[in-house]
C-alpha atoms as a PDB file:
ATOM      1  CA  MET A   1      -3.408  17.068   4.500  1.00  0.00           C
ATOM      2  CA  GLU A   2       0.332  17.523   4.088  1.00  0.00           C
ATOM      3  CA  SER A   3       2.424  14.669   2.709  1.00  0.00           C
ATOM      4  CA  GLU A   4       4.284  14.025   5.978  1.00  0.00           C
ATOM      5  CA  SER A   5       1.057  13.922   7.989  1.00  0.00           C
ATOM      6  CA  TRP A   6      -0.536  11.590   5.444  1.00  0.00           C
ATOM      7  CA  GLU A   7       2.403   9.184   5.435  1.00  0.00           C
ATOM      8  CA  ALA A   8       2.567   9.198   9.245  1.00  0.00           C
ATOM      9  CA  LEU A   9      -0.865   7.525   9.248  1.00  0.00           C
ATOM     10  CA  CYS A  10       0.576   4.261   7.921  1.00  0.00           C
ATOM     11  CA  ASN A  11       0.103   1.485  10.481  1.00  0.00           C
ATOM     12  CA  ARG A  12       2.642  -0.798   8.766  1.00  0.00           C
ATOM     13  CA  CYS A  13       0.276  -3.565   7.736  1.00  0.00           C
ATOM     14  CA  GLY A  14       2.418  -4.024   4.622  1.00  0.00           C
ATOM     15  CA  ALA A  15      -0.523  -5.061   2.413  1.00  0.00           C
ATOM     16  CA  CYS A  16       0.397  -2.498  -0.225  1.00  0.00           C
ATOM     17  CA  CYS A  17       3.856  -4.098  -0.527  1.00  0.00           C
ATOM     18  CA  PHE A  18       2.756  -7.574  -1.611  1.00  0.00           C
ATOM     19  CA  GLU A  19       2.255  -8.599  -5.232  1.00  0.00           C
ATOM     20  CA  LYS A  20      -1.282  -8.498  -6.570  1.00  0.00           C
ATOM     21  CA  LYS A  21      -2.860 -10.799  -9.136  1.00  0.00           C
ATOM     22  CA  ILE A  22      -6.138 -10.491 -11.021  1.00  0.00           C
ATOM     23  CA  ASP A  23      -8.302 -13.607 -11.087  1.00  0.00           C
ATOM     24  CA  ARG A  24     -10.602 -14.678 -13.935  1.00  0.00           C
ATOM     25  CA  GLN A  25     -13.507 -12.713 -12.485  1.00  0.00           C
ATOM     26  CA  GLY A  26     -11.428  -9.533 -12.384  1.00  0.00           C
ATOM     27  CA  ASN A  27     -10.936  -9.540  -8.618  1.00  0.00           C
ATOM     28  CA  ILE A  28      -7.623  -8.251  -7.282  1.00  0.00           C
ATOM     29  CA  LEU A  29      -5.975 -10.744  -4.951  1.00  0.00           C
ATOM     30  CA  THR A  30      -3.028 -10.032  -2.677  1.00  0.00           C
ATOM     31  CA  THR A  31      -0.417 -12.789  -2.862  1.00  0.00           C
ATOM     32  CA  SER A  32       2.033 -13.884  -0.180  1.00  0.00           C
ATOM     33  CA  ILE A  33       4.946 -12.586  -2.275  1.00  0.00           C
ATOM     34  CA  PRO A  34       6.400  -9.393  -0.774  1.00  0.00           C
ATOM     35  CA  CYS A  35       8.207  -6.680  -2.668  1.00  0.00           C
ATOM     36  CA  ARG A  36      11.927  -7.389  -2.638  1.00  0.00           C
ATOM     37  CA  PHE A  37      12.463  -4.159  -0.683  1.00  0.00           C
ATOM     38  CA  LEU A  38       9.958  -4.876   2.093  1.00  0.00           C
ATOM     39  CA  ASP A  39      11.477  -5.631   5.482  1.00  0.00           C
ATOM     40  CA  ILE A  40       9.135  -8.421   6.536  1.00  0.00           C
ATOM     41  CA  HIS A  41       9.832  -8.028  10.256  1.00  0.00           C
ATOM     42  CA  ASN A  42       8.927  -4.363  10.677  1.00  0.00           C
ATOM     43  CA  ARG A  43       6.845  -3.969   7.491  1.00  0.00           C
ATOM     44  CA  THR A  44       8.806  -0.999   6.177  1.00  0.00           C
ATOM     45  CA  CYS A  45      10.404  -0.341   2.829  1.00  0.00           C
ATOM     46  CA  ARG A  46      14.197  -0.506   2.790  1.00  0.00           C
ATOM     47  CA  ILE A  47      14.363   2.108   0.010  1.00  0.00           C
ATOM     48  CA  TYR A  48      11.329   4.208   0.914  1.00  0.00           C
ATOM     49  CA  ALA A  49      12.672   7.565  -0.317  1.00  0.00           C
ATOM     50  CA  GLN A  50      13.610   6.080  -3.707  1.00  0.00           C
ATOM     51  CA  ARG A  51      10.874   3.455  -4.025  1.00  0.00           C
ATOM     52  CA  LEU A  52       8.959   5.118  -6.841  1.00  0.00           C
ATOM     53  CA  GLU A  53      12.072   5.504  -8.974  1.00  0.00           C
ATOM     54  CA  VAL A  54      13.518   2.046  -8.250  1.00  0.00           C
ATOM     55  CA  GLU A  55      10.425  -0.180  -8.235  1.00  0.00           C
ATOM     56  CA  GLU A  56       8.139   0.379 -11.223  1.00  0.00           C
ATOM     57  CA  ASP A  57       5.230  -1.494  -9.596  1.00  0.00           C
ATOM     58  CA  CYS A  58       5.287   0.637  -6.439  1.00  0.00           C
ATOM     59  CA  ILE A  59       2.193   2.783  -5.986  1.00  0.00           C
ATOM     60  CA  LYS A  60       2.228   6.001  -4.000  1.00  0.00           C
ATOM     61  CA  LEU A  61      -0.909   5.804  -1.895  1.00  0.00           C
ATOM     62  CA  THR A  62      -2.705   9.139  -2.011  1.00  0.00           C
ATOM     63  CA  PRO A  63      -6.236  10.007  -0.871  1.00  0.00           C
ATOM     64  CA  GLU A  64      -7.328   9.954  -4.522  1.00  0.00           C
ATOM     65  CA  ILE A  65      -5.884   6.504  -5.153  1.00  0.00           C
ATOM     66  CA  ILE A  66      -7.267   5.090  -1.897  1.00  0.00           C
ATOM     67  CA  THR A  67     -10.809   5.885  -3.049  1.00  0.00           C
ATOM     68  CA  GLU A  68     -10.221   3.940  -6.286  1.00  0.00           C
ATOM     69  CA  ILE A  69      -8.678   0.712  -4.965  1.00  0.00           C
ATOM     70  CA  SER A  70     -10.422  -2.098  -3.120  1.00  0.00           C
ATOM     71  CA  TRP A  71      -7.583  -4.384  -2.097  1.00  0.00           C
ATOM     72  CA  LEU A  72      -6.410  -2.622   1.062  1.00  0.00           C
ATOM     73  CA  PRO A  73      -7.354  -4.522   4.222  1.00  0.00           C
ATOM     74  CA  GLU A  74      -9.896  -3.272   6.756  1.00  0.00           C
ATOM     75  CA  GLU A  75      -7.121  -2.418   9.219  1.00  0.00           C
ATOM     76  CA  CYS A  76      -5.384  -0.027   6.794  1.00  0.00           C
ATOM     77  CA  ALA A  77      -5.286   3.431   8.403  1.00  0.00           C
ATOM     78  CA  TYR A  78      -5.423   5.158   5.006  1.00  0.00           C
ATOM     79  CA  ARG A  79      -8.536   3.257   4.009  1.00  0.00           C
ATOM     80  CA  ASN A  80     -10.232   3.952   7.337  1.00  0.00           C
ATOM     81  CA  LEU A  81      -9.523   7.679   7.180  1.00  0.00           C
ATOM     82  CA  ILE A  82     -10.986   7.950   3.678  1.00  0.00           C
ATOM     83  CA  LYS A  83     -14.007   5.853   4.688  1.00  0.00           C
ATOM     84  CA  GLU A  84     -14.668   8.181   7.643  1.00  0.00           C
ATOM     85  CA  SER A  85     -14.505  11.306   5.454  1.00  0.00           C
END
């Protein structure tokens, strides 16, 4: 799938743009603290084109990464597409 098609799948849940913490059992927990560049109202990044250069904690979600992470919510379009494959 081409990059533009892949990114168009995003349903703007914003879960990938909130800080994560690891608890004592090693579980990844999503906090209520958004990235400073996340527009909370429309769930989009204010610096999307430069996000990977500007924000060192930003992760580019690719099909390969989606299969390795467990913290995306059930409603995430990326997660659902990979699960269906």
